[in-house]
Amino acid sequence: MTEYEVCQCESDVYDAMESRLMQMTFWAHKAVLFEKIKKKIEEQEGEKLEKIADILVEASRIRAKTGQEAEKDKQELNDKLKETFEE
């Protein structure tokens, strides 16, 4: 192997490492931005999202029921969900 080939090989390693590090930096920025967005959503819409979460938990309970009672509860749930989204 010539001196040029050794230098080229080392250069390739550093280029690859720099590329990986830049990719990691992008991922870190993306993760931080994601957390900031979540925090803003919680601040601005937390109460509404809490209501929606309650409705969805109730929906999972209703799924266990059968028959006419379940249909009535399911309709009430759909009405609540629609009303909450329209707030």
PDB file of N, CA and C in Angstrom:
ATOM      1  N   MET A   1       0.841  -1.168   0.000  1.00  0.00           N
ATOM      2  CA  MET A   1       0.000   0.000   0.000  1.00  0.00           C
ATOM      3  C   MET A   1       0.893   1.239   0.000  1.00  0.00           C
ATOM      4  N   THR A   2       0.560   2.171  -0.818  1.00  0.00           N
ATOM      5  CA  THR A   2       1.370   3.389  -0.901  1.00  0.00           C
ATOM      6  C   THR A   2       0.945   4.356   0.188  1.00  0.00           C
ATOM      7  N   GLU A   3       1.768   5.403   0.352  1.00  0.00           N
ATOM      8  CA  GLU A   3       1.472   6.438   1.336  1.00  0.00           C
ATOM      9  C   GLU A   3       0.148   7.126   1.015  1.00  0.00           C
ATOM     10  N   TYR A   4      -0.132   7.348  -0.258  1.00  0.00           N
ATOM     11  CA  TYR A   4      -1.379   7.983  -0.681  1.00  0.00           C
ATOM     12  C   TYR A   4      -2.576   7.131  -0.287  1.00  0.00           C
ATOM     13  N   GLU A   5      -2.471   5.818  -0.479  1.00  0.00           N
ATOM     14  CA  GLU A   5      -3.585   4.919  -0.151  1.00  0.00           C
ATOM     15  C   GLU A   5      -3.866   4.923   1.345  1.00  0.00           C
ATOM     16  N   VAL A   6      -2.826   5.004   2.166  1.00  0.00           N
ATOM     17  CA  VAL A   6      -3.003   5.057   3.617  1.00  0.00           C
ATOM     18  C   VAL A   6      -3.719   6.350   3.993  1.00  0.00           C
ATOM     19  N   CYS A   7      -3.280   7.458   3.431  1.00  0.00           N
ATOM     20  CA  CYS A   7      -3.916   8.740   3.723  1.00  0.00           C
ATOM     21  C   CYS A   7      -5.367   8.752   3.265  1.00  0.00           C
ATOM     22  N   GLN A   8      -5.619   8.183   2.088  1.00  0.00           N
ATOM     23  CA  GLN A   8      -6.971   8.130   1.563  1.00  0.00           C
ATOM     24  C   GLN A   8      -7.867   7.311   2.490  1.00  0.00           C
ATOM     25  N   CYS A   9      -7.333   6.207   2.985  1.00  0.00           N
ATOM     26  CA  CYS A   9      -8.095   5.332   3.880  1.00  0.00           C
ATOM     27  C   CYS A   9      -8.454   6.071   5.168  1.00  0.00           C
ATOM     28  N   GLU A  10      -7.478   6.760   5.761  1.00  0.00           N
ATOM     29  CA  GLU A  10      -7.729   7.528   6.985  1.00  0.00           C
ATOM     30  C   GLU A  10      -8.749   8.634   6.718  1.00  0.00           C
ATOM     31  N   SER A  11      -8.625   9.260   5.575  1.00  0.00           N
ATOM     32  CA  SER A  11      -9.560  10.320   5.205  1.00  0.00           C
ATOM     33  C   SER A  11     -10.980   9.776   5.104  1.00  0.00           C
ATOM     34  N   ASP A  12     -11.127   8.601   4.510  1.00  0.00           N
ATOM     35  CA  ASP A  12     -12.443   7.978   4.400  1.00  0.00           C
ATOM     36  C   ASP A  12     -13.042   7.700   5.777  1.00  0.00           C
ATOM     37  N   VAL A  13     -12.214   7.245   6.708  1.00  0.00           N
ATOM     38  CA  VAL A  13     -12.675   6.955   8.070  1.00  0.00           C
ATOM     39  C   VAL A  13     -13.177   8.230   8.725  1.00  0.00           C
ATOM     40  N   TYR A  14     -12.393   9.309   8.618  1.00  0.00           N
ATOM     41  CA  TYR A  14     -12.797  10.571   9.231  1.00  0.00           C
ATOM     42  C   TYR A  14     -14.037  11.154   8.555  1.00  0.00           C
ATOM     43  N   ASP A  15     -14.140  10.999   7.254  1.00  0.00           N
ATOM     44  CA  ASP A  15     -15.338  11.472   6.548  1.00  0.00           C
ATOM     45  C   ASP A  15     -16.573  10.713   7.029  1.00  0.00           C
ATOM     46  N   ALA A  16     -16.419   9.405   7.173  1.00  0.00           N
ATOM     47  CA  ALA A  16     -17.535   8.590   7.649  1.00  0.00           C
ATOM     48  C   ALA A  16     -17.910   8.971   9.078  1.00  0.00           C
ATOM     49  N   MET A  17     -16.894   9.204   9.914  1.00  0.00           N
ATOM     50  CA  MET A  17     -17.152   9.565  11.303  1.00  0.00           C
ATOM     51  C   MET A  17     -17.846  10.931  11.367  1.00  0.00           C
ATOM     52  N   GLU A  18     -17.377  11.887  10.575  1.00  0.00           N
ATOM     53  CA  GLU A  18     -18.008  13.210  10.549  1.00  0.00           C
ATOM     54  C   GLU A  18     -19.461  13.099  10.097  1.00  0.00           C
ATOM     55  N   SER A  19     -19.703  12.274   9.095  1.00  0.00           N
ATOM     56  CA  SER A  19     -21.064  12.087   8.604  1.00  0.00           C
ATOM     57  C   SER A  19     -21.959  11.524   9.702  1.00  0.00           C
ATOM     58  N   ARG A  20     -21.448  10.532  10.436  1.00  0.00           N
ATOM     59  CA  ARG A  20     -22.228   9.942  11.538  1.00  0.00           C
ATOM     60  C   ARG A  20     -22.503  10.955  12.638  1.00  0.00           C
ATOM     61  N   LEU A  21     -21.486  11.745  12.970  1.00  0.00           N
ATOM     62  CA  LEU A  21     -21.650  12.739  14.021  1.00  0.00           C
ATOM     63  C   LEU A  21     -22.666  13.808  13.615  1.00  0.00           C
ATOM     64  N   MET A  22     -22.649  14.217  12.374  1.00  0.00           N
ATOM     65  CA  MET A  22     -23.630  15.186  11.896  1.00  0.00           C
ATOM     66  C   MET A  22     -25.040  14.590  11.930  1.00  0.00           C
ATOM     67  N   GLN A  23     -25.135  13.314  11.597  1.00  0.00           N
ATOM     68  CA  GLN A  23     -26.428  12.637  11.656  1.00  0.00           C
ATOM     69  C   GLN A  23     -26.930  12.587  13.102  1.00  0.00           C
ATOM     70  N   MET A  24     -26.036  12.287  14.039  1.00  0.00           N
ATOM     71  CA  MET A  24     -26.416  12.260  15.455  1.00  0.00           C
ATOM     72  C   MET A  24     -26.875  13.640  15.921  1.00  0.00           C
ATOM     73  N   THR A  25     -26.205  14.684  15.441  1.00  0.00           N
ATOM     74  CA  THR A  25     -26.584  16.052  15.796  1.00  0.00           C
ATOM     75  C   THR A  25     -27.988  16.369  15.295  1.00  0.00           C
ATOM     76  N   PHE A  26     -28.270  15.958  14.075  1.00  0.00           N
ATOM     77  CA  PHE A  26     -29.607  16.156  13.520  1.00  0.00           C
ATOM     78  C   PHE A  26     -30.655  15.446  14.374  1.00  0.00           C
ATOM     79  N   TRP A  27     -30.378  14.187  14.747  1.00  0.00           N
ATOM     80  CA  TRP A  27     -31.321  13.428  15.572  1.00  0.00           C
ATOM     81  C   TRP A  27     -31.536  14.113  16.925  1.00  0.00           C
ATOM     82  N   ALA A  28     -30.459  14.631  17.520  1.00  0.00           N
ATOM     83  CA  ALA A  28     -30.574  15.301  18.817  1.00  0.00           C
ATOM     84  C   ALA A  28     -31.444  16.556  18.702  1.00  0.00           C
ATOM     85  N   HIS A  29     -31.218  17.348  17.656  1.00  0.00           N
ATOM     86  CA  HIS A  29     -32.051  18.530  17.445  1.00  0.00           C
ATOM     87  C   HIS A  29     -33.517  18.131  17.262  1.00  0.00           C
ATOM     88  N   LYS A  30     -33.729  17.089  16.514  1.00  0.00           N
ATOM     89  CA  LYS A  30     -35.085  16.608  16.267  1.00  0.00           C
ATOM     90  C   LYS A  30     -35.750  16.179  17.578  1.00  0.00           C
ATOM     91  N   ALA A  31     -35.002  15.475  18.423  1.00  0.00           N
ATOM     92  CA  ALA A  31     -35.546  15.013  19.706  1.00  0.00           C
ATOM     93  C   ALA A  31     -35.885  16.189  20.620  1.00  0.00           C
ATOM     94  N   VAL A  32     -35.004  17.186  20.683  1.00  0.00           N
ATOM     95  CA  VAL A  32     -35.247  18.356  21.524  1.00  0.00           C
ATOM     96  C   VAL A  32     -36.465  19.124  21.016  1.00  0.00           C
ATOM     97  N   LEU A  33     -36.542  19.310  19.708  1.00  0.00           N
ATOM     98  CA  LEU A  33     -37.684  20.008  19.124  1.00  0.00           C
ATOM     99  C   LEU A  33     -38.984  19.265  19.412  1.00  0.00           C
ATOM    100  N   PHE A  34     -38.949  17.940  19.305  1.00  0.00           N
ATOM    101  CA  PHE A  34     -40.120  17.121  19.588  1.00  0.00           C
ATOM    102  C   PHE A  34     -40.592  17.338  21.026  1.00  0.00           C
ATOM    103  N   GLU A  35     -39.666  17.362  21.972  1.00  0.00           N
ATOM    104  CA  GLU A  35     -40.021  17.577  23.380  1.00  0.00           C
ATOM    105  C   GLU A  35     -40.600  18.975  23.593  1.00  0.00           C
ATOM    106  N   LYS A  36     -40.047  19.972  22.929  1.00  0.00           N
ATOM    107  CA  LYS A  36     -40.556  21.338  23.058  1.00  0.00           C
ATOM    108  C   LYS A  36     -41.969  21.447  22.487  1.00  0.00           C
ATOM    109  N   ILE A  37     -42.198  20.785  21.374  1.00  0.00           N
ATOM    110  CA  ILE A  37     -43.539  20.782  20.773  1.00  0.00           C
ATOM    111  C   ILE A  37     -44.526  20.115  21.720  1.00  0.00           C
ATOM    112  N   LYS A  38     -44.138  18.988  22.297  1.00  0.00           N
ATOM    113  CA  LYS A  38     -45.013  18.300  23.247  1.00  0.00           C
ATOM    114  C   LYS A  38     -45.354  19.214  24.423  1.00  0.00           C
ATOM    115  N   LYS A  39     -44.353  19.942  24.914  1.00  0.00           N
ATOM    116  CA  LYS A  39     -44.580  20.842  26.058  1.00  0.00           C
ATOM    117  C   LYS A  39     -45.559  21.956  25.688  1.00  0.00           C
ATOM    118  N   LYS A  40     -45.409  22.530  24.504  1.00  0.00           N
ATOM    119  CA  LYS A  40     -46.319  23.594  24.052  1.00  0.00           C
ATOM    120  C   LYS A  40     -47.742  23.059  23.897  1.00  0.00           C
ATOM    121  N   ILE A  41     -47.867  21.878  23.316  1.00  0.00           N
ATOM    122  CA  ILE A  41     -49.194  21.278  23.156  1.00  0.00           C
ATOM    123  C   ILE A  41     -49.822  21.050  24.522  1.00  0.00           C
ATOM    124  N   GLU A  42     -49.037  20.557  25.464  1.00  0.00           N
ATOM    125  CA  GLU A  42     -49.550  20.327  26.818  1.00  0.00           C
ATOM    126  C   GLU A  42     -50.016  21.639  27.437  1.00  0.00           C
ATOM    127  N   GLU A  43     -49.234  22.713  27.278  1.00  0.00           N
ATOM    128  CA  GLU A  43     -49.606  24.016  27.829  1.00  0.00           C
ATOM    129  C   GLU A  43     -50.895  24.541  27.205  1.00  0.00           C
ATOM    130  N   GLN A  44     -51.001  24.427  25.892  1.00  0.00           N
ATOM    131  CA  GLN A  44     -52.111  25.047  25.183  1.00  0.00           C
ATOM    132  C   GLN A  44     -53.358  24.172  25.102  1.00  0.00           C
ATOM    133  N   GLU A  45     -53.190  22.872  25.053  1.00  0.00           N
ATOM    134  CA  GLU A  45     -54.328  21.986  24.831  1.00  0.00           C
ATOM    135  C   GLU A  45     -54.439  20.863  25.852  1.00  0.00           C
ATOM    136  N   GLY A  46     -53.678  20.962  26.925  1.00  0.00           N
ATOM    137  CA  GLY A  46     -53.624  19.884  27.906  1.00  0.00           C
ATOM    138  C   GLY A  46     -54.976  19.484  28.475  1.00  0.00           C
ATOM    139  N   GLU A  47     -55.786  20.470  28.806  1.00  0.00           N
ATOM    140  CA  GLU A  47     -57.096  20.183  29.386  1.00  0.00           C
ATOM    141  C   GLU A  47     -57.983  19.419  28.403  1.00  0.00           C
ATOM    142  N   LYS A  48     -57.977  19.866  27.164  1.00  0.00           N
ATOM    143  CA  LYS A  48     -58.779  19.198  26.124  1.00  0.00           C
ATOM    144  C   LYS A  48     -58.266  17.772  25.879  1.00  0.00           C
ATOM    145  N   LEU A  49     -56.951  17.628  25.820  1.00  0.00           N
ATOM    146  CA  LEU A  49     -56.380  16.293  25.596  1.00  0.00           C
ATOM    147  C   LEU A  49     -56.662  15.359  26.775  1.00  0.00           C
ATOM    148  N   GLU A  50     -56.712  15.935  27.969  1.00  0.00           N
ATOM    149  CA  GLU A  50     -57.057  15.147  29.162  1.00  0.00           C
ATOM    150  C   GLU A  50     -58.479  14.597  29.041  1.00  0.00           C
ATOM    151  N   LYS A  51     -59.409  15.440  28.579  1.00  0.00           N
ATOM    152  CA  LYS A  51     -60.791  14.995  28.374  1.00  0.00           C
ATOM    153  C   LYS A  51     -60.859  13.889  27.322  1.00  0.00           C
ATOM    154  N   ILE A  52     -60.124  14.084  26.238  1.00  0.00           N
ATOM    155  CA  ILE A  52     -60.124  13.074  25.172  1.00  0.00           C
ATOM    156  C   ILE A  52     -59.554  11.760  25.692  1.00  0.00           C
ATOM    157  N   ALA A  53     -58.490  11.830  26.481  1.00  0.00           N
ATOM    158  CA  ALA A  53     -57.901  10.619  27.058  1.00  0.00           C
ATOM    159  C   ALA A  53     -58.915   9.904  27.955  1.00  0.00           C
ATOM    160  N   ASP A  54     -59.654  10.669  28.765  1.00  0.00           N
ATOM    161  CA  ASP A  54     -60.684  10.074  29.624  1.00  0.00           C
ATOM    162  C   ASP A  54     -61.753   9.365  28.786  1.00  0.00           C
ATOM    163  N   ILE A  55     -62.164  10.011  27.705  1.00  0.00           N
ATOM    164  CA  ILE A  55     -63.184   9.425  26.831  1.00  0.00           C
ATOM    165  C   ILE A  55     -62.676   8.133  26.205  1.00  0.00           C
ATOM    166  N   LEU A  56     -61.437   8.133  25.779  1.00  0.00           N
ATOM    167  CA  LEU A  56     -60.883   6.933  25.149  1.00  0.00           C
ATOM    168  C   LEU A  56     -60.717   5.778  26.129  1.00  0.00           C
ATOM    169  N   VAL A  57     -60.358   6.098  27.369  1.00  0.00           N
ATOM    170  CA  VAL A  57     -60.275   5.043  28.391  1.00  0.00           C
ATOM    171  C   VAL A  57     -61.661   4.463  28.640  1.00  0.00           C
ATOM    172  N   GLU A  58     -62.662   5.335  28.682  1.00  0.00           N
ATOM    173  CA  GLU A  58     -64.042   4.874  28.845  1.00  0.00           C
ATOM    174  C   GLU A  58     -64.448   4.005  27.653  1.00  0.00           C
ATOM    175  N   ALA A  59     -63.994   4.367  26.465  1.00  0.00           N
ATOM    176  CA  ALA A  59     -64.312   3.583  25.265  1.00  0.00           C
ATOM    177  C   ALA A  59     -63.778   2.169  25.375  1.00  0.00           C
ATOM    178  N   SER A  60     -62.610   2.023  25.932  1.00  0.00           N
ATOM    179  CA  SER A  60     -62.055   0.670  26.073  1.00  0.00           C
ATOM    180  C   SER A  60     -62.876  -0.165  27.052  1.00  0.00           C
ATOM    181  N   ARG A  61     -63.444   0.488  28.062  1.00  0.00           N
ATOM    182  CA  ARG A  61     -64.311  -0.215  29.014  1.00  0.00           C
ATOM    183  C   ARG A  61     -65.606  -0.638  28.331  1.00  0.00           C
ATOM    184  N   ILE A  62     -66.154   0.246  27.505  1.00  0.00           N
ATOM    185  CA  ILE A  62     -67.413  -0.032  26.807  1.00  0.00           C
ATOM    186  C   ILE A  62     -67.261  -1.208  25.845  1.00  0.00           C
ATOM    187  N   ARG A  63     -66.101  -1.340  25.248  1.00  0.00           N
ATOM    188  CA  ARG A  63     -65.890  -2.437  24.284  1.00  0.00           C
ATOM    189  C   ARG A  63     -66.099  -3.803  24.925  1.00  0.00           C
ATOM    190  N   ALA A  64     -65.927  -3.864  26.249  1.00  0.00           N
ATOM    191  CA  ALA A  64     -66.091  -5.139  26.936  1.00  0.00           C
ATOM    192  C   ALA A  64     -67.565  -5.500  27.132  1.00  0.00           C
ATOM    193  N   LYS A  65     -68.432  -4.512  27.029  1.00  0.00           N
ATOM    194  CA  LYS A  65     -69.863  -4.763  27.193  1.00  0.00           C
ATOM    195  C   LYS A  65     -70.440  -5.380  25.925  1.00  0.00           C
ATOM    196  N   THR A  66     -71.629  -5.940  26.056  1.00  0.00           N
ATOM    197  CA  THR A  66     -72.289  -6.526  24.892  1.00  0.00           C
ATOM    198  C   THR A  66     -73.710  -5.999  24.777  1.00  0.00           C
ATOM    199  N   GLY A  67     -74.269  -6.147  23.612  1.00  0.00           N
ATOM    200  CA  GLY A  67     -75.690  -5.890  23.406  1.00  0.00           C
ATOM    201  C   GLY A  67     -76.089  -4.445  23.374  1.00  0.00           C
ATOM    202  N   GLN A  68     -77.352  -4.235  23.743  1.00  0.00           N
ATOM    203  CA  GLN A  68     -77.994  -2.926  23.631  1.00  0.00           C
ATOM    204  C   GLN A  68     -77.334  -1.884  24.537  1.00  0.00           C
ATOM    205  N   GLU A  69     -76.953  -2.297  25.713  1.00  0.00           N
ATOM    206  CA  GLU A  69     -76.303  -1.374  26.655  1.00  0.00           C
ATOM    207  C   GLU A  69     -75.008  -0.822  26.050  1.00  0.00           C
ATOM    208  N   ALA A  70     -74.263  -1.674  25.399  1.00  0.00           N
ATOM    209  CA  ALA A  70     -73.010  -1.247  24.762  1.00  0.00           C
ATOM    210  C   ALA A  70     -73.280  -0.257  23.639  1.00  0.00           C
ATOM    211  N   GLU A  71     -74.300  -0.492  22.851  1.00  0.00           N
ATOM    212  CA  GLU A  71     -74.635   0.419  21.749  1.00  0.00           C
ATOM    213  C   GLU A  71     -75.008   1.807  22.272  1.00  0.00           C
ATOM    214  N   LYS A  72     -75.792   1.832  23.341  1.00  0.00           N
ATOM    215  CA  LYS A  72     -76.187   3.107  23.951  1.00  0.00           C
ATOM    216  C   LYS A  72     -74.951   3.844  24.461  1.00  0.00           C
ATOM    217  N   ASP A  73     -74.095   3.132  25.189  1.00  0.00           N
ATOM    218  CA  ASP A  73     -72.873   3.738  25.724  1.00  0.00           C
ATOM    219  C   ASP A  73     -71.946   4.202  24.607  1.00  0.00           C
ATOM    220  N   LYS A  74     -71.874   3.423  23.545  1.00  0.00           N
ATOM    221  CA  LYS A  74     -71.015   3.769  22.420  1.00  0.00           C
ATOM    222  C   LYS A  74     -71.490   5.063  21.758  1.00  0.00           C
ATOM    223  N   GLN A  75     -72.785   5.224  21.621  1.00  0.00           N
ATOM    224  CA  GLN A  75     -73.331   6.444  21.030  1.00  0.00           C
ATOM    225  C   GLN A  75     -73.056   7.647  21.925  1.00  0.00           C
ATOM    226  N   GLU A  76     -73.233   7.473  23.230  1.00  0.00           N
ATOM    227  CA  GLU A  76     -72.940   8.557  24.168  1.00  0.00           C
ATOM    228  C   GLU A  76     -71.464   8.945  24.087  1.00  0.00           C
ATOM    229  N   LEU A  77     -70.608   7.948  23.986  1.00  0.00           N
ATOM    230  CA  LEU A  77     -69.174   8.187  23.872  1.00  0.00           C
ATOM    231  C   LEU A  77     -68.855   8.969  22.596  1.00  0.00           C
ATOM    232  N   ASN A  78     -69.436   8.567  21.479  1.00  0.00           N
ATOM    233  CA  ASN A  78     -69.205   9.274  20.216  1.00  0.00           C
ATOM    234  C   ASN A  78     -69.657  10.733  20.311  1.00  0.00           C
ATOM    235  N   ASP A  79     -70.782  10.950  20.972  1.00  0.00           N
ATOM    236  CA  ASP A  79     -71.276  12.313  21.148  1.00  0.00           C
ATOM    237  C   ASP A  79     -70.305  13.145  21.992  1.00  0.00           C
ATOM    238  N   LYS A  80     -69.800  12.562  23.087  1.00  0.00           N
ATOM    239  CA  LYS A  80     -68.845  13.261  23.946  1.00  0.00           C
ATOM    240  C   LYS A  80     -67.563  13.596  23.180  1.00  0.00           C
ATOM    241  N   LEU A  81     -67.081  12.636  22.427  1.00  0.00           N
ATOM    242  CA  LEU A  81     -65.843  12.825  21.674  1.00  0.00           C
ATOM    243  C   LEU A  81     -66.018  13.937  20.641  1.00  0.00           C
ATOM    244  N   LYS A  82     -67.128  13.909  19.929  1.00  0.00           N
ATOM    245  CA  LYS A  82     -67.401  14.944  18.925  1.00  0.00           C
ATOM    246  C   LYS A  82     -67.483  16.305  19.583  1.00  0.00           C
ATOM    247  N   GLU A  83     -68.186  16.388  20.697  1.00  0.00           N
ATOM    248  CA  GLU A  83     -68.337  17.639  21.425  1.00  0.00           C
ATOM    249  C   GLU A  83     -66.977  18.169  21.901  1.00  0.00           C
ATOM    250  N   THR A  84     -66.132  17.284  22.403  1.00  0.00           N
ATOM    251  CA  THR A  84     -64.817  17.691  22.894  1.00  0.00           C
ATOM    252  C   THR A  84     -63.936  18.202  21.765  1.00  0.00           C
ATOM    253  N   PHE A  85     -63.948  17.541  20.639  1.00  0.00           N
ATOM    254  CA  PHE A  85     -63.139  18.005  19.512  1.00  0.00           C
ATOM    255  C   PHE A  85     -63.621  19.350  18.975  1.00  0.00           C
ATOM    256  N   GLU A  86     -64.893  19.625  19.120  1.00  0.00           N
ATOM    257  CA  GLU A  86     -65.441  20.867  18.607  1.00  0.00           C
ATOM    258  C   GLU A  86     -65.240  22.036  19.554  1.00  0.00           C
ATOM    259  N   GLU A  87     -64.751  21.790  20.765  1.00  0.00           N
ATOM    260  CA  GLU A  87     -64.527  22.879  21.738  1.00  0.00           C
ATOM    261  C   GLU A  87     -63.454  23.820  21.258  1.00  0.00           C
TER     262      GLU A  87
END
